[in-house]
Amino acid sequence: MKSRRTFMKQSAAGIAGAALMSSVPSSVLGANDRIRVVVMGTNSRGMALASEFATLKNSEVAYIADVDSRVVESSVAKVNEMQGKKPKGIVDFRQALEDKDVDALVIAAPDHWHAPATLMGLKAGKHVYVEKPCGHNPREGELLIAAQKKYNKVVQMGNQQRSSIQSQQAYRDLKDGLIGEPYMGKAFYANNRGPIGHGKVVPVPEWLDYELWQGPAPRVPYRDNVVHYNWHWFWRWGTAETCNNATHEVDVCRWFLDLDYPTKVSSTGGRYAYDDDWEFPDTQVVGFEFGDKKSIVWEGRSCNPRPVEGKGRGAAIYATKGTLIIDRNGHTFYDEKNNVLKQMESGDENATLDTTGAGGSLNGLHIGNFLDAIRTGAKQNSPIDEGHKSVLLCHLANIAQELGRSLAIDPMNGRIVDDSQAMKMWSREYEPGWEMVV
C-alpha cells in the first residue's frame, strides 16, 4: 500500500483535545479572575514555571520563595520585568500560605519537598501545581490523593506532555486504530552527565538556609556536592533518573496503552560510568508487565548520550499494524513496512535534554490547563491521581533495582505483594515533627 504522509505544524496557543477527569473543586473562580501564586524553588525549573505564571493572562506571581537568598533576589527581578509588578521575595514559602489572597502554590523544590509542601498548601486552602515526581516515595503519592479528596482543591502534576496538542492528537489517532492494537511501549532517555565527585563536609554557605532546605528529610551535615542539583542522585533527597526523567516518557506509554498498575516490575543496571557519591544507577533497563498482554520498558542512560530512534528522549508504541515514535516535539506513525502514515510536529523545539530548564511551549499549555481547572472546573490533563500512577512505576523500579529482584504487584492498587522487605521502602523516615498527616 502506498504510504501517505501528513506534516502539520501548530502553535501552542491553546488547550486542545480530550483530557483526563479529576475531582473538581466545589467552588471555582470567575473566568476572568486573576490567580495569584507563590512559586517555591526558582533556581532552575521553578524560574521557567514562574515565567509562565507571570505572563499568562489573569495570572500573577505574588511571591518568590527560595532557600537561596541570591536566587530570591534574581528571580524577583526577572518576574518584575515580565509582569510589570514586583513579587514579594521570601525564603520560607510557608509565609505566603498565610496570605488569603494567594490562590495557588507552585512547587519546584527538590523531590523530598514535593509531597510535604503540597500537603501544606492544601491544608492552607491553596490549589497546587507540583513538579514531578509528586512524591519522594510511593506512600507520599497515596497521601496526596487522599489529601486532594479531603481538601477538594486542584492538584496538577508537571508532566507537561499530557497537555501537548500533538500528543493528544496522536492518542486519538492511536485509539482510532491507525496502527492497530497497541501492546508495548518503550520509553528511553540518554544524556552525558559527568561525575559529582566525593563531597566534603564544609560550612553552610551564608546564602543558603540549609535547615529549611532539608525540611522533611532527616538531618545530615552540609556537603559541597549536593546543592543545587546533585541531590537528585542521593536517596535522602532524590529519586534517581527514573523519577527525574523516566516519569515523563513512562507516563506517555502508560497513557497511550491505557494502563494503570502493573503485575510485575524488574530492573537491571548500576552505577557504571564513574566512581563517585552517586547512589543510583546511571544505566538502567526496567520492565513493567501488565495484564491483558501489555508491557512497558524503560531504558535510561545518564552518562551515554547515544540516541534511540535518533532522539535523546522519547517513546515508541508498538502495535499490531505499525509503530508510533513520539517525543515532546511531535510524532510519526509508521506502518508494518516502516512507511510513514502520519507525522505531526510542534513547529518549535521543546527542549528534550535540558536537564534543568523549560519544556518549551508545553509549560504554558500545562499551566493554562491548571488555571482553567481552578477558574472554571475544566478537566485536568494531569490530576494527582493519574500523575501518581506513573510516578509509582518509577518508584517501583528504584525498589526493584535496590533489592536486586523482581517485584510482584497488586494490579488493583499498585502495592507490592508478599514482600515485607520491599514494603519497608514504601515510605521514608522523616525528621521528627515533619511527618505527613492528612
Protein backbone atom coordinates (compact mmCIF):
# COMPACT_ATOMS: atom_id res chain seq x y z
CA MET A 1 0.00 0.00 0.00
CA LYS A 2 1.31 3.42 -0.92
CA SER A 3 2.36 5.41 2.16
CA ARG A 4 0.54 8.62 2.95
CA ARG A 5 2.38 11.46 4.66
CA THR A 6 0.87 14.38 6.52
CA PHE A 7 3.02 17.08 8.00
CA MET A 8 1.49 19.67 10.30
CA LYS A 9 2.87 22.48 12.39
CA GLN A 10 0.75 24.01 15.10
CA SER A 11 1.31 26.76 17.60
CA ALA A 12 0.87 26.27 21.30
CA ALA A 13 -1.90 28.84 21.54
CA GLY A 14 -4.49 26.84 23.45
CA ILE A 15 -5.52 23.63 25.07
CA ALA A 16 -6.96 21.01 22.76
CA GLY A 17 -8.37 17.53 22.84
CA ALA A 18 -9.81 15.28 25.46
CA ALA A 19 -8.31 15.35 28.93
CA LEU A 20 -8.36 13.17 31.99
CA MET A 21 -11.03 13.70 34.62
CA SER A 22 -10.19 14.83 38.13
CA SER A 23 -12.08 15.84 41.21
CA VAL A 24 -13.28 19.41 40.61
CA PRO A 25 -13.41 21.94 43.44
CA SER A 26 -16.91 22.67 44.71
CA SER A 27 -16.35 26.39 44.14
CA VAL A 28 -14.34 27.97 41.34
CA LEU A 29 -13.22 31.46 40.47
CA GLY A 30 -14.88 33.58 37.86
CA ALA A 31 -13.46 33.07 34.38
CA ASN A 32 -11.71 36.47 34.41
CA ASP A 33 -10.43 36.47 37.98
CA ARG A 34 -6.69 36.87 38.46
CA ILE A 35 -5.00 33.88 40.06
CA ARG A 36 -2.11 34.77 42.37
CA VAL A 37 0.58 32.19 43.07
CA VAL A 38 3.67 31.64 45.16
CA VAL A 39 6.48 29.82 43.34
CA MET A 40 8.62 27.66 45.64
CA GLY A 41 12.14 26.95 44.35
CA THR A 42 13.26 29.11 41.42
CA ASN A 43 16.92 28.24 40.98
CA SER A 44 16.24 26.38 37.73
CA ARG A 45 12.98 24.65 36.84
CA GLY A 46 10.92 26.92 39.03
CA MET A 47 12.01 30.01 37.14
CA ALA A 48 10.63 28.51 33.94
CA LEU A 49 7.30 27.96 35.70
CA ALA A 50 7.35 31.43 37.22
CA SER A 51 7.86 32.88 33.74
CA GLU A 52 4.65 31.24 32.53
CA PHE A 53 2.58 32.28 35.53
CA ALA A 54 3.93 35.82 35.17
CA THR A 55 2.96 36.14 31.50
CA LEU A 56 -0.26 34.15 31.15
CA LYS A 57 -3.49 36.16 31.14
CA ASN A 58 -5.08 36.86 34.54
CA SER A 59 -2.21 35.17 36.36
CA GLU A 60 0.27 36.77 38.73
CA VAL A 61 3.34 35.66 40.65
CA ALA A 62 2.72 37.23 44.05
CA TYR A 63 5.64 35.58 45.88
CA ILE A 64 9.01 34.08 45.02
CA ALA A 65 10.26 31.68 47.70
CA ASP A 66 13.70 30.09 47.74
CA VAL A 67 16.16 28.97 50.40
CA ASP A 68 18.96 30.62 48.37
CA SER A 69 18.88 34.37 49.04
CA ARG A 70 20.75 35.04 45.79
CA VAL A 71 18.08 33.22 43.81
CA VAL A 72 15.30 35.14 45.55
CA GLU A 73 16.83 38.44 44.51
CA SER A 74 17.47 37.48 40.88
CA SER A 75 14.08 35.76 40.44
CA VAL A 76 12.15 38.69 41.85
CA ALA A 77 13.89 40.99 39.38
CA LYS A 78 13.13 38.71 36.42
CA VAL A 79 9.47 38.28 37.32
CA ASN A 80 9.09 42.01 37.92
CA GLU A 81 10.37 42.66 34.41
CA MET A 82 7.99 40.07 32.92
CA GLN A 83 4.74 41.00 34.61
CA GLY A 84 5.36 44.66 35.42
CA LYS A 85 4.69 44.06 39.10
CA LYS A 86 7.24 43.10 41.71
CA PRO A 87 6.53 39.89 43.63
CA LYS A 88 7.49 39.59 47.28
CA GLY A 89 10.72 37.72 47.81
CA ILE A 90 10.83 35.33 50.79
CA VAL A 91 12.94 32.43 51.99
CA ASP A 92 10.20 30.35 53.66
CA PHE A 93 7.24 29.61 51.37
CA ARG A 94 5.02 28.97 54.38
CA GLN A 95 4.78 32.72 54.95
CA ALA A 96 2.93 33.05 51.64
CA LEU A 97 0.49 30.30 52.57
CA GLU A 98 -0.76 32.58 55.33
CA ASP A 99 -1.79 35.19 52.74
CA LYS A 100 -5.51 34.77 52.00
CA ASP A 101 -5.05 36.49 48.62
CA VAL A 102 -2.74 33.72 47.38
CA ASP A 103 -4.70 31.16 45.35
CA ALA A 104 -2.09 28.54 44.49
CA LEU A 105 1.27 27.09 45.44
CA VAL A 106 3.72 26.17 42.66
CA ILE A 107 6.40 23.67 43.75
CA ALA A 108 9.75 23.20 42.02
CA ALA A 109 11.86 22.50 45.11
CA PRO A 110 13.88 19.25 45.48
CA ASP A 111 11.92 16.00 45.34
CA HIS A 112 11.83 15.39 49.11
CA TRP A 113 9.80 18.59 49.44
CA HIS A 114 7.17 17.90 46.76
CA ALA A 115 4.60 15.96 48.76
CA PRO A 116 5.03 17.68 52.14
CA ALA A 117 4.74 21.13 50.53
CA THR A 118 1.70 20.03 48.51
CA LEU A 119 0.01 18.85 51.69
CA MET A 120 0.82 22.13 53.44
CA GLY A 121 -0.62 24.05 50.51
CA LEU A 122 -3.84 22.05 50.54
CA LYS A 123 -4.25 22.46 54.29
CA ALA A 124 -3.86 26.21 53.79
CA GLY A 125 -6.68 26.18 51.23
CA LYS A 126 -4.49 26.59 48.15
CA HIS A 127 -4.54 24.86 44.80
CA VAL A 128 -1.21 23.20 43.94
CA TYR A 129 0.91 22.78 40.83
CA VAL A 130 3.68 20.32 41.75
CA GLU A 131 6.57 19.26 39.55
CA LYS A 132 7.15 15.59 39.01
CA PRO A 133 7.64 13.37 40.89
CA CYS A 134 4.64 14.05 43.09
CA GLY A 135 6.32 12.21 45.96
CA HIS A 136 9.69 11.06 47.24
CA ASN A 137 8.29 7.54 47.77
CA PRO A 138 5.11 5.58 46.94
CA ARG A 139 3.31 6.35 50.19
CA GLU A 140 3.53 10.10 49.62
CA GLY A 141 1.60 9.77 46.36
CA GLU A 142 -1.16 7.87 48.15
CA LEU A 143 -1.30 10.55 50.82
CA LEU A 144 -1.64 13.32 48.24
CA ILE A 145 -4.57 11.57 46.56
CA ALA A 146 -6.28 11.35 49.94
CA ALA A 147 -5.46 14.99 50.71
CA GLN A 148 -6.80 16.24 47.38
CA LYS A 149 -10.09 14.50 48.04
CA LYS A 150 -10.27 15.81 51.59
CA TYR A 151 -9.46 19.45 50.83
CA ASN A 152 -11.12 19.49 47.38
CA LYS A 153 -8.57 21.66 45.56
CA VAL A 154 -6.95 21.33 42.14
CA VAL A 155 -3.63 19.46 42.24
CA GLN A 156 -1.80 19.20 38.92
CA MET A 157 1.48 17.35 38.38
CA GLY A 158 4.02 18.73 35.94
CA ASN A 159 4.19 16.02 33.30
CA GLN A 160 3.69 18.58 30.54
CA GLN A 161 3.39 16.25 27.57
CA ARG A 162 -0.15 15.42 28.69
CA SER A 163 -1.05 18.94 27.50
CA SER A 164 0.72 18.69 24.14
CA ILE A 165 -1.67 19.33 21.25
CA GLN A 166 0.34 16.94 19.12
CA SER A 167 0.39 14.17 21.74
CA GLN A 168 -3.34 14.46 22.32
CA GLN A 169 -3.90 14.09 18.57
CA ALA A 170 -1.56 11.10 18.46
CA TYR A 171 -3.55 9.46 21.25
CA ARG A 172 -6.79 9.94 19.31
CA ASP A 173 -5.25 8.56 16.13
CA LEU A 174 -3.96 5.54 18.03
CA LYS A 175 -7.39 4.93 19.58
CA ASP A 176 -8.94 5.22 16.10
CA GLY A 177 -6.84 2.21 15.05
CA LEU A 178 -4.31 3.89 12.74
CA ILE A 179 -1.72 1.20 13.53
CA GLY A 180 -3.93 -1.47 15.02
CA GLU A 181 -3.91 -2.56 18.64
CA PRO A 182 -1.02 -1.23 20.79
CA TYR A 183 0.64 -3.77 23.09
CA MET A 184 4.04 -2.45 24.17
CA GLY A 185 5.66 0.87 24.98
CA LYS A 186 9.37 1.64 25.13
CA ALA A 187 10.45 4.79 26.95
CA PHE A 188 14.04 5.99 26.63
CA TYR A 189 16.41 8.69 27.85
CA ALA A 190 20.09 9.34 27.09
CA ASN A 191 22.37 12.04 28.45
CA ASN A 192 26.04 12.79 29.14
CA ARG A 193 26.07 13.72 32.82
CA GLY A 194 29.52 13.98 34.36
CA PRO A 195 30.73 12.79 37.77
CA ILE A 196 29.75 14.53 41.01
CA GLY A 197 32.92 13.61 42.89
CA HIS A 198 33.22 12.80 46.57
CA GLY A 199 31.74 15.55 48.69
CA LYS A 200 33.39 17.10 51.71
CA VAL A 201 31.66 18.39 54.82
CA VAL A 202 32.07 22.16 54.76
CA PRO A 203 30.40 25.15 56.43
CA VAL A 204 26.95 26.03 55.11
CA PRO A 205 27.17 28.96 52.65
CA GLU A 206 25.84 32.23 54.05
CA TRP A 207 23.29 32.49 51.22
CA LEU A 208 21.64 29.12 51.99
CA ASP A 209 19.04 28.25 54.63
CA TYR A 210 20.19 24.64 54.85
CA GLU A 211 17.85 23.80 57.73
CA LEU A 212 14.83 24.71 55.61
CA TRP A 213 16.35 23.09 52.51
CA GLN A 214 16.46 19.77 54.39
CA GLY A 215 12.92 20.26 55.65
CA PRO A 216 11.22 16.83 55.96
CA ALA A 217 14.46 14.86 55.49
CA PRO A 218 16.48 13.63 58.48
CA ARG A 219 19.39 15.96 59.20
CA VAL A 220 22.93 15.45 57.91
CA PRO A 221 25.90 17.84 57.73
CA TYR A 222 26.20 20.04 54.64
CA ARG A 223 28.42 18.67 51.88
CA ASP A 224 29.80 20.59 48.93
CA ASN A 225 28.48 18.37 46.12
CA VAL A 226 24.74 18.26 46.85
CA VAL A 227 23.14 21.72 46.44
CA HIS A 228 21.73 22.75 43.98
CA TYR A 229 21.34 19.88 41.51
CA ASN A 230 23.21 16.77 42.63
CA TRP A 231 20.69 15.99 45.37
CA HIS A 232 18.88 14.09 42.59
CA TRP A 233 21.37 11.24 42.99
CA PHE A 234 21.04 10.68 46.76
CA TRP A 235 18.32 8.52 48.34
CA ARG A 236 17.77 11.01 51.17
CA TRP A 237 16.52 13.76 48.84
CA GLY A 238 16.33 12.44 45.29
CA THR A 239 14.51 9.77 43.32
CA ALA A 240 17.04 8.75 40.61
CA GLU A 241 16.88 9.25 36.86
CA THR A 242 13.71 7.18 36.88
CA CYS A 243 11.57 9.76 38.68
CA ASN A 244 13.67 12.61 37.32
CA ASN A 245 13.16 11.80 33.64
CA ALA A 246 11.60 8.38 33.07
CA THR A 247 8.44 9.74 34.66
CA HIS A 248 7.71 11.73 31.51
CA GLU A 249 8.09 9.02 28.87
CA VAL A 250 6.82 6.17 31.04
CA ASP A 251 3.75 8.33 31.59
CA VAL A 252 3.30 8.66 27.82
CA CYS A 253 3.49 4.89 27.41
CA ARG A 254 1.03 4.26 30.23
CA TRP A 255 -1.32 6.91 28.81
CA PHE A 256 -1.24 5.57 25.25
CA LEU A 257 -1.62 1.94 26.33
CA ASP A 258 -4.48 2.81 28.73
CA LEU A 259 -2.75 1.16 31.68
CA ASP A 260 -2.96 1.70 35.42
CA TYR A 261 -0.94 -0.57 37.73
CA PRO A 262 1.45 -3.40 36.71
CA THR A 263 1.60 -7.00 37.84
CA LYS A 264 5.40 -7.28 37.88
CA VAL A 265 8.40 -4.91 37.89
CA SER A 266 12.03 -5.85 37.29
CA SER A 267 15.19 -3.79 36.89
CA THR A 268 18.81 -4.22 35.93
CA GLY A 269 21.66 -1.74 35.81
CA GLY A 270 24.16 0.05 38.02
CA ARG A 271 26.47 2.98 38.56
CA TYR A 272 28.95 2.13 35.80
CA ALA A 273 30.36 5.34 34.39
CA TYR A 274 32.11 6.90 37.41
CA ASP A 275 33.31 6.22 40.94
CA ASP A 276 31.69 8.98 42.99
CA ASP A 277 28.94 9.67 45.53
CA TRP A 278 26.08 8.97 43.10
CA GLU A 279 23.78 6.44 44.86
CA PHE A 280 21.51 5.42 41.96
CA PRO A 281 22.14 3.68 38.62
CA ASP A 282 23.42 5.72 35.71
CA THR A 283 22.45 2.86 33.39
CA GLN A 284 19.16 1.06 33.87
CA VAL A 285 16.64 -1.06 31.99
CA VAL A 286 13.27 -1.60 33.67
CA GLY A 287 10.47 -3.95 32.67
CA PHE A 288 6.84 -3.34 33.68
CA GLU A 289 4.41 -6.19 32.99
CA PHE A 290 0.68 -5.55 32.92
CA GLY A 291 -2.37 -7.68 32.42
CA ASP A 292 -4.03 -8.09 29.02
CA LYS A 293 -0.67 -8.90 27.37
CA LYS A 294 0.78 -5.39 27.58
CA SER A 295 4.13 -4.13 28.82
CA ILE A 296 6.39 -1.09 29.14
CA VAL A 297 10.19 -0.99 29.04
CA TRP A 298 12.34 1.95 30.09
CA GLU A 299 15.97 2.34 29.02
CA GLY A 300 17.87 5.07 30.82
CA ARG A 301 21.48 6.09 30.21
CA SER A 302 22.55 9.12 32.22
CA CYS A 303 26.15 9.01 31.04
CA ASN A 304 25.94 7.77 27.46
CA PRO A 305 24.21 10.12 25.01
CA ARG A 306 23.82 7.71 22.09
CA PRO A 307 20.26 8.43 20.85
CA VAL A 308 17.43 5.96 20.39
CA GLU A 309 15.36 6.35 17.22
CA GLY A 310 17.51 9.42 16.55
CA LYS A 311 16.27 11.07 19.74
CA GLY A 312 17.76 11.80 23.14
CA ARG A 313 14.46 11.02 24.80
CA GLY A 314 11.03 9.84 23.77
CA ALA A 315 8.84 6.79 23.47
CA ALA A 316 7.89 4.09 20.97
CA ILE A 317 4.46 2.49 20.93
CA TYR A 318 4.42 -0.88 19.19
CA ALA A 319 1.12 -2.10 17.76
CA THR A 320 -0.23 -4.93 15.60
CA LYS A 321 -0.08 -2.88 12.39
CA GLY A 322 2.74 -0.45 12.94
CA THR A 323 4.71 1.78 15.30
CA LEU A 324 4.39 5.25 16.79
CA ILE A 325 7.53 7.24 17.67
CA ILE A 326 6.74 10.22 19.89
CA ASP A 327 8.51 12.91 21.88
CA ARG A 328 7.80 16.45 23.07
CA ASN A 329 8.30 17.90 19.60
CA GLY A 330 5.82 15.70 17.77
CA HIS A 331 5.32 12.18 16.49
CA THR A 332 5.39 9.86 13.48
CA PHE A 333 3.19 6.85 12.74
CA TYR A 334 4.73 4.03 10.65
CA ASP A 335 3.01 1.07 9.04
CA GLU A 336 4.29 -2.51 9.11
CA LYS A 337 6.72 -1.77 6.26
CA ASN A 338 8.08 1.33 8.01
CA ASN A 339 6.31 3.69 5.63
CA VAL A 340 5.24 6.99 7.20
CA LEU A 341 1.48 7.06 7.71
CA LYS A 342 1.16 10.35 9.54
CA GLN A 343 3.53 12.90 11.01
CA MET A 344 2.90 15.89 13.21
CA GLU A 345 5.39 18.36 14.66
CA SER A 346 5.07 21.20 17.12
CA GLY A 347 6.80 23.81 14.98
CA ASP A 348 9.25 24.70 17.74
CA GLU A 349 11.92 22.97 19.78
CA ASN A 350 10.58 21.83 23.16
CA ALA A 351 13.95 21.09 24.78
CA THR A 352 14.50 17.35 25.01
CA LEU A 353 17.71 17.12 27.01
CA ASP A 354 17.70 20.35 29.01
CA THR A 355 18.31 18.87 32.46
CA THR A 356 17.14 21.84 34.50
CA GLY A 357 15.17 24.25 32.36
CA ALA A 358 11.96 24.74 30.48
CA GLY A 359 9.88 22.33 28.45
CA GLY A 360 9.18 24.91 25.75
CA SER A 361 5.58 25.76 24.92
CA LEU A 362 4.33 22.74 26.85
CA ASN A 363 4.81 24.70 30.08
CA GLY A 364 2.24 27.28 29.03
CA LEU A 365 -0.24 24.68 27.84
CA HIS A 366 0.01 22.63 31.01
CA ILE A 367 -0.15 25.61 33.34
CA GLY A 368 -3.01 27.04 31.30
CA ASN A 369 -4.93 23.83 31.88
CA PHE A 370 -4.22 24.10 35.63
CA LEU A 371 -5.52 27.69 35.69
CA ASP A 372 -8.62 26.74 33.72
CA ALA A 373 -9.34 23.94 36.19
CA ILE A 374 -9.21 26.47 39.02
CA ARG A 375 -11.30 29.13 37.26
CA THR A 376 -13.97 27.05 35.57
CA GLY A 377 -13.64 23.47 36.79
CA ALA A 378 -12.19 22.36 33.43
CA LYS A 379 -10.94 18.78 33.17
CA GLN A 380 -7.30 18.42 34.16
CA ASN A 381 -4.72 16.90 31.86
CA SER A 382 -2.70 15.56 34.80
CA PRO A 383 -4.68 15.29 38.04
CA ILE A 384 -2.77 13.96 41.02
CA ASP A 385 -4.40 10.52 40.96
CA GLU A 386 -3.17 9.94 37.39
CA GLY A 387 0.22 11.53 37.98
CA HIS A 388 0.80 9.26 40.97
CA LYS A 389 0.34 6.11 38.89
CA SER A 390 3.24 6.98 36.58
CA VAL A 391 5.47 8.16 39.42
CA LEU A 392 4.69 4.94 41.29
CA LEU A 393 6.04 2.88 38.40
CA CYS A 394 9.35 4.71 38.71
CA HIS A 395 9.48 4.25 42.49
CA LEU A 396 8.85 0.53 41.99
CA ALA A 397 11.74 0.46 39.52
CA ASN A 398 14.02 2.00 42.14
CA ILE A 399 12.93 -0.52 44.76
CA ALA A 400 13.41 -3.50 42.42
CA GLN A 401 16.85 -2.20 41.43
CA GLU A 402 17.94 -1.62 45.03
CA LEU A 403 16.81 -5.09 46.16
CA GLY A 404 18.10 -6.85 43.05
CA ARG A 405 14.92 -8.79 42.35
CA SER A 406 11.56 -8.57 40.62
CA LEU A 407 8.53 -7.33 42.49
CA ALA A 408 5.04 -8.82 42.32
CA ILE A 409 2.44 -6.06 42.26
CA ASP A 410 -1.26 -5.93 43.03
CA PRO A 411 -2.79 -4.55 39.79
CA MET A 412 -5.71 -3.10 41.72
CA ASN A 413 -3.69 -0.61 43.76
CA GLY A 414 -0.04 -0.82 42.71
CA ARG A 415 1.17 -2.14 46.06
CA ILE A 416 3.95 -4.73 46.40
CA VAL A 417 2.67 -8.23 47.19
CA ASP A 418 4.14 -10.65 49.79
CA ASP A 419 7.46 -8.85 50.22
CA SER A 420 7.88 -7.21 53.62
CA GLN A 421 11.43 -6.10 52.87
CA ALA A 422 10.35 -4.25 49.75
CA MET A 423 7.41 -2.67 51.57
CA LYS A 424 9.85 -1.16 54.07
CA MET A 425 10.84 1.12 51.17
CA TRP A 426 7.23 2.16 50.54
CA SER A 427 7.62 5.19 52.78
CA ARG A 428 10.53 7.02 54.40
CA GLU A 429 11.88 8.21 57.74
CA TYR A 430 11.09 11.88 58.38
CA GLU A 431 12.83 14.44 60.52
CA PRO A 432 10.86 14.44 63.81
CA GLY A 433 7.97 16.86 63.59
CA TRP A 434 7.81 16.76 59.79
CA GLU A 435 5.72 13.61 59.37
CA MET A 436 2.94 13.85 56.78
CA VAL A 437 -0.56 13.63 58.28
CA VAL A 438 -3.57 14.22 56.02
